[in-house]
Protein backbone atom coordinates (compact mmCIF):
# COMPACT_ATOMS: atom_id res chain seq x y z
CA UNK A 1 15.89 6.67 22.16
CA UNK A 2 16.18 4.60 19.00
CA UNK A 3 16.63 6.69 15.75
CA UNK A 4 13.73 6.49 13.34
CA UNK A 5 13.69 7.22 9.62
CA UNK A 6 10.51 8.51 8.08
CA UNK A 7 9.31 6.50 4.92
CA UNK A 8 6.79 7.03 2.15
CA UNK A 9 5.21 4.52 -0.23
CA UNK A 10 6.87 4.70 -3.64
CA UNK A 11 5.39 1.84 -5.42
CA UNK A 12 3.76 -1.58 -5.37
CA UNK A 13 4.41 -4.23 -7.99
CA UNK A 14 3.82 -7.92 -8.52
CA UNK A 15 6.68 -10.09 -7.53
CA UNK A 16 7.79 -12.31 -10.49
CA UNK A 17 9.94 -14.53 -8.34
CA UNK A 18 7.13 -15.43 -5.89
CA UNK A 19 3.74 -16.07 -7.41
CA UNK A 20 0.93 -14.34 -5.47
CA UNK A 21 3.26 -11.92 -3.61
CA UNK A 22 4.02 -8.28 -4.25
CA UNK A 23 6.93 -5.90 -3.52
CA UNK A 24 6.07 -2.74 -1.61
CA UNK A 25 8.80 -0.13 -2.06
CA UNK A 26 9.16 2.40 0.70
CA UNK A 27 11.43 5.46 0.24
CA UNK A 28 13.40 7.47 2.79
CA UNK A 29 11.63 10.83 2.93
CA UNK A 30 14.86 12.81 3.47
CA UNK A 31 17.39 10.47 1.90
CA UNK A 32 18.11 8.15 -1.00
CA UNK A 33 17.57 4.71 0.51
CA UNK A 34 14.74 2.38 -0.53
CA UNK A 35 13.28 -0.33 1.58
CA UNK A 36 11.65 -3.20 -0.46
CA UNK A 37 9.18 -5.35 1.54
CA UNK A 38 7.58 -8.52 0.15
CA UNK A 39 3.90 -8.70 1.13
CA UNK A 40 0.92 -10.96 0.32
CA UNK A 41 -1.71 -10.34 -2.36
CA UNK A 42 -4.53 -9.39 0.09
CA UNK A 43 -2.38 -6.83 1.94
CA UNK A 44 -1.16 -5.39 -1.39
CA UNK A 45 -4.79 -5.09 -2.47
CA UNK A 46 -5.79 -3.42 0.88
CA UNK A 47 -2.93 -0.79 0.41
CA UNK A 48 -3.62 -0.22 -3.31
CA UNK A 49 -7.42 0.27 -2.80
CA UNK A 50 -6.85 2.95 -0.31
CA UNK A 51 -4.13 4.74 -2.31
CA UNK A 52 -6.32 4.54 -5.43
CA UNK A 53 -9.37 5.75 -3.43
CA UNK A 54 -11.53 2.88 -4.59
CA UNK A 55 -14.51 2.41 -2.16
CA UNK A 56 -15.44 -1.21 -1.63
CA UNK A 57 -19.14 -1.99 -1.29
CA UNK A 58 -18.41 -3.69 2.01
CA UNK A 59 -15.65 -2.75 4.47
CA UNK A 60 -12.55 -4.75 4.28
CA UNK A 61 -10.63 -5.84 7.41
CA UNK A 62 -8.44 -2.66 7.61
CA UNK A 63 -11.51 -0.43 7.06
CA UNK A 64 -13.17 -2.26 9.93
CA UNK A 65 -10.08 -1.58 12.04
CA UNK A 66 -10.41 2.20 11.17
CA UNK A 67 -14.17 2.23 12.05
CA UNK A 68 -13.48 0.45 15.26
CA UNK A 69 -10.66 2.78 16.28
CA UNK A 70 -12.74 5.87 15.31
CA UNK A 71 -15.68 4.65 17.25
CA UNK A 72 -13.69 4.26 20.43
CA UNK A 73 -11.76 7.50 19.87
CA UNK A 74 -8.37 5.81 19.18
CA UNK A 75 -5.91 7.68 17.09
CA UNK A 76 -3.04 6.11 15.17
CA UNK A 77 -0.01 8.24 15.99
CA UNK A 78 2.40 6.44 13.69
CA UNK A 79 3.57 2.99 12.58
CA UNK A 80 7.14 1.83 12.98
CA UNK A 81 8.93 -0.99 11.21
CA UNK A 82 10.77 -1.90 14.34
CA UNK A 83 12.85 -5.06 13.66
CA UNK A 84 14.05 -7.67 11.18
CA UNK A 85 14.81 -11.20 12.14
CA UNK A 86 15.96 -13.82 9.63
CA UNK A 87 14.68 -11.66 6.71
CA UNK A 88 11.23 -11.14 8.38
CA UNK A 89 10.16 -7.52 9.19
CA UNK A 90 8.22 -6.62 12.34
CA UNK A 91 6.15 -3.55 12.98
CA UNK A 92 4.37 -1.69 15.82
CA UNK A 93 1.24 0.44 15.56
CA UNK A 94 1.43 3.32 17.97
CA UNK A 95 -2.06 4.18 19.19
CA UNK A 96 -3.34 7.01 21.50
CA UNK A 97 -6.56 7.11 23.40
CA UNK A 98 -7.17 9.92 26.02
CA UNK A 99 -3.42 10.34 26.44
CA UNK A 100 -2.83 6.61 26.91
CA UNK A 101 -0.20 5.34 24.50
CA UNK A 102 -0.31 1.76 23.36
CA UNK A 103 1.96 -0.18 20.94
CA UNK A 104 0.39 -2.98 19.10
CA UNK A 105 2.56 -5.70 17.33
CA UNK A 106 1.69 -6.04 13.63
CA UNK A 107 2.99 -7.31 10.26
CA UNK A 108 4.40 -4.30 8.35
CA UNK A 109 1.90 -4.95 5.51
CA UNK A 110 -1.08 -4.60 7.89
CA UNK A 111 0.43 -1.72 9.70
CA UNK A 112 1.05 0.16 6.41
CA UNK A 113 -2.56 -0.65 5.18
CA UNK A 114 -3.82 0.95 8.41
CA UNK A 115 -1.37 3.92 8.17
CA UNK A 116 -2.81 4.86 4.76
CA UNK A 117 -6.26 4.86 6.10
CA UNK A 118 -5.39 7.17 8.95
CA UNK A 119 -2.92 9.31 6.99
CA UNK A 120 -0.37 8.31 9.63
CA UNK A 121 3.37 8.76 9.32
CA UNK A 122 5.41 5.54 8.59
CA UNK A 123 8.84 5.17 10.22
CA UNK A 124 11.52 2.50 10.19
CA UNK A 125 14.19 1.88 12.92
CA UNK A 126 17.65 3.01 11.64
CA UNK A 127 19.04 -0.47 12.46
CA UNK A 128 16.64 -2.05 10.07
CA UNK A 129 17.31 0.49 7.40
CA UNK A 130 21.08 -0.02 7.79
CA UNK A 131 20.55 -3.77 7.35
CA UNK A 132 17.85 -4.04 4.68
CA UNK A 133 17.65 -0.71 2.75
CA UNK A 134 19.13 -0.23 -0.77
CA UNK A 135 21.06 2.93 -1.47
CA UNK A 136 19.72 4.84 -4.58
CA UNK A 137 22.16 6.79 -6.71
CA UNK A 138 21.32 9.96 -8.64
CA UNK A 139 21.24 7.79 -11.88
CA UNK A 140 18.82 5.33 -10.23
CA UNK A 141 16.52 8.34 -9.25
CA UNK A 142 16.54 9.62 -12.87
CA UNK A 143 15.56 6.25 -14.22
CA UNK A 144 12.88 6.05 -11.55
CA UNK A 145 11.41 9.41 -12.36
CA UNK A 146 10.97 8.35 -16.05
CA UNK A 147 8.55 5.62 -14.86
CA UNK A 148 5.28 6.50 -13.22
CA UNK A 149 5.32 4.41 -10.02
CA UNK A 150 1.92 3.55 -8.91
CA UNK A 151 0.34 0.56 -7.15
CA UNK A 152 -0.45 -2.15 -9.65
CA UNK A 153 -2.93 -4.65 -8.25
CA UNK A 154 -2.52 -8.01 -10.11
CA UNK A 155 -2.70 -7.90 -13.90
CA UNK A 156 -4.95 -10.90 -14.08
CA UNK A 157 -8.00 -11.15 -16.42
CA UNK A 158 -6.36 -8.57 -18.81
CA UNK A 159 -6.46 -11.14 -21.70
CA UNK A 160 -10.00 -12.30 -20.84
CA UNK A 161 -11.60 -8.88 -20.71
CA UNK A 162 -10.30 -7.77 -24.09
CA UNK A 163 -9.02 -4.26 -24.39
CA UNK A 164 -10.79 -1.63 -22.25
CA UNK A 165 -10.06 0.85 -24.99
CA UNK A 166 -12.76 -0.99 -27.07
CA UNK A 167 -15.60 -0.16 -24.66
CA UNK A 168 -17.73 3.01 -24.65
CA UNK A 169 -17.65 5.26 -21.54
CA UNK A 170 -21.14 4.07 -20.60
CA UNK A 171 -20.11 0.43 -20.87
CA UNK A 172 -16.97 1.16 -18.80
CA UNK A 173 -19.00 2.74 -16.04
CA UNK A 174 -21.30 -0.34 -16.01
CA UNK A 175 -18.24 -2.64 -15.89
CA UNK A 176 -16.81 -0.50 -13.06
CA UNK A 177 -19.99 -0.87 -10.98
CA UNK A 178 -20.05 -4.54 -11.68
CA UNK A 179 -16.36 -5.00 -10.67
CA UNK A 180 -16.93 -3.17 -7.34
CA UNK A 181 -20.07 -5.20 -6.65
CA UNK A 182 -18.05 -8.37 -7.31
CA UNK A 183 -15.31 -7.08 -5.00
CA UNK A 184 -12.92 -7.39 -7.93
CA UNK A 185 -10.82 -4.34 -7.12
CA UNK A 186 -7.86 -5.11 -9.45
CA UNK A 187 -10.32 -4.96 -12.40
CA UNK A 188 -12.05 -1.88 -10.93
CA UNK A 189 -8.70 -0.08 -10.75
CA UNK A 190 -7.94 -0.78 -14.41
CA UNK A 191 -11.40 0.33 -15.59
CA UNK A 192 -11.21 3.48 -13.47
CA UNK A 193 -7.80 4.23 -14.99
CA UNK A 194 -9.27 3.86 -18.51
CA UNK A 195 -12.18 6.15 -17.64
CA UNK A 196 -9.77 8.71 -16.19
CA UNK A 197 -7.77 8.69 -19.38
CA UNK A 198 -10.84 9.72 -21.42
CA UNK A 199 -11.93 12.50 -19.03
């Protein structure tokens, strides 16, 4: 049986070299390797929203998948980043229903967005880690621990909205509600962070 390495999400940041894309950094749970995966804006948003516990006013695609699976008593056992060909990663979602095991092909970004909704474990095939992971030294770890790594949905509209520090708490709560109603989750995350700083 193929050796699997368990991963955890370490961070999500905008990718400066490719506009509209993000880098999702996965870390080896019992090791020092990091697996960076470039993903699209919508998938990054779907992962960040769930990690940040922002509740959209209408279900997004991955929320719909969760509702569908729960309605039909499907469980997500785990997701596995199973292969890499010509720089493109491939994943499988391992599902279980009444002891029937099914593997569904997926893009890693969608599989991870689903994994965070089901609190499922995320694994990567050792052959993929050997090929694509980056080894982290003790010095790298110290540098990393100085920075707070958290998902950063796009920093757009920061200039337009003025500084959130200038708004009262009541106004921030109004802006948060408006951002969620407009499905502007990047802005909602920024506003929520500012509210949390004051509480």
